[in-house]
Amino acid sequence: MNQEQLTKEIKEIWMEILESEEELGTEESFFEVGGNSMLATMMVENINDRYGCGLELNDIYEYNTIVQLAEFVASHTQGAAE
């Protein structure tokens, strides 16, 4: 999966979890667009179920934009689909 597709999918996950109908910027912080620790927990579970990347809740505080999170997922799933 290419980075652009992964970024799009992560954005869709965010929009679903945040119940957002507004367009989210890929550089916006999860917590600045309405995210909280409960929603972050849901997102971690969703992303791990989908990509099996070993994402942990504390990673969301470091990788808190769509782009950063997509890069994390890509770097922790390389070769997993091969």
Protein backbone atom coordinates (compact mmCIF):
# COMPACT_ATOMS: atom_id res chain seq x y z
CA MET A 1 0.00 0.00 0.00
CA ASN A 2 1.37 3.40 -0.89
CA GLN A 3 1.67 6.29 1.55
CA GLU A 4 -1.10 8.30 -0.10
CA GLN A 5 -3.60 5.44 0.22
CA LEU A 6 -2.57 4.75 3.80
CA THR A 7 -2.96 8.43 4.70
CA LYS A 8 -6.45 8.42 3.16
CA GLU A 9 -7.44 5.32 5.15
CA ILE A 10 -6.11 6.73 8.44
CA LYS A 11 -8.06 9.93 7.75
CA GLU A 12 -11.24 7.88 7.22
CA ILE A 13 -10.64 6.10 10.55
CA TRP A 14 -10.24 9.47 12.30
CA MET A 15 -13.41 10.84 10.73
CA GLU A 16 -15.37 7.77 11.81
CA ILE A 17 -14.07 7.82 15.39
CA LEU A 18 -14.47 11.58 15.74
CA GLU A 19 -17.89 11.40 14.05
CA SER A 20 -16.71 14.28 11.90
CA GLU A 21 -18.47 15.39 8.76
CA GLU A 22 -16.00 18.21 8.26
CA GLU A 23 -12.84 17.69 6.25
CA LEU A 24 -9.84 17.06 8.51
CA GLY A 25 -6.41 18.40 7.65
CA THR A 26 -3.67 15.78 7.56
CA GLU A 27 -1.42 17.97 9.72
CA GLU A 28 -4.00 18.69 12.45
CA SER A 29 -3.48 17.18 15.89
CA PHE A 30 -5.95 14.46 16.87
CA PHE A 31 -6.50 16.22 20.17
CA GLU A 32 -7.07 19.64 18.58
CA VAL A 33 -9.88 18.32 16.36
CA GLY A 34 -11.85 16.79 19.22
CA GLY A 35 -9.93 13.65 20.11
CA ASN A 36 -9.49 12.51 23.70
CA SER A 37 -7.98 9.51 25.46
CA MET A 38 -11.15 7.41 25.12
CA LEU A 39 -11.35 8.07 21.39
CA ALA A 40 -7.61 7.49 21.06
CA THR A 41 -8.06 4.05 22.63
CA MET A 42 -10.74 3.23 20.06
CA MET A 43 -8.48 4.46 17.27
CA VAL A 44 -5.53 2.35 18.46
CA GLU A 45 -7.71 -0.77 18.50
CA ASN A 46 -9.13 0.02 15.06
CA ILE A 47 -5.72 0.64 13.50
CA ASN A 48 -4.16 -2.45 15.10
CA ASP A 49 -7.07 -4.63 13.95
CA ARG A 50 -6.71 -3.29 10.43
CA TYR A 51 -2.93 -3.11 10.05
CA GLY A 52 -1.42 -5.19 12.89
CA CYS A 53 1.25 -2.55 13.46
CA GLY A 54 1.64 -2.72 17.25
CA LEU A 55 0.39 0.82 17.83
CA GLU A 56 0.05 1.70 21.52
CA LEU A 57 -1.97 4.45 23.17
CA ASN A 58 1.11 6.46 24.12
CA ASP A 59 2.14 6.50 20.43
CA ILE A 60 -0.88 8.69 19.68
CA TYR A 61 0.64 11.48 21.76
CA GLU A 62 3.83 11.38 19.70
CA TYR A 63 2.27 10.64 16.30
CA ASN A 64 -0.83 12.80 16.64
CA THR A 65 -1.45 13.93 13.05
CA ILE A 66 -2.80 11.83 10.21
CA VAL A 67 0.48 12.09 8.30
CA GLN A 68 2.61 11.13 11.32
CA LEU A 69 0.35 8.22 12.16
CA ALA A 70 0.36 6.96 8.56
CA GLU A 71 4.17 7.08 8.61
CA PHE A 72 4.21 5.11 11.88
CA VAL A 73 1.86 2.47 10.48
CA ALA A 74 3.88 2.18 7.25
CA SER A 75 7.16 1.79 9.12
CA HIS A 76 5.72 -0.86 11.46
CA THR A 77 4.00 -2.95 8.80
CA GLN A 78 6.66 -3.09 6.08
CA GLY A 79 6.89 -6.61 4.78
CA ALA A 80 3.81 -7.72 6.69
CA ALA A 81 1.75 -7.94 3.51
CA GLU A 82 4.51 -9.59 1.48
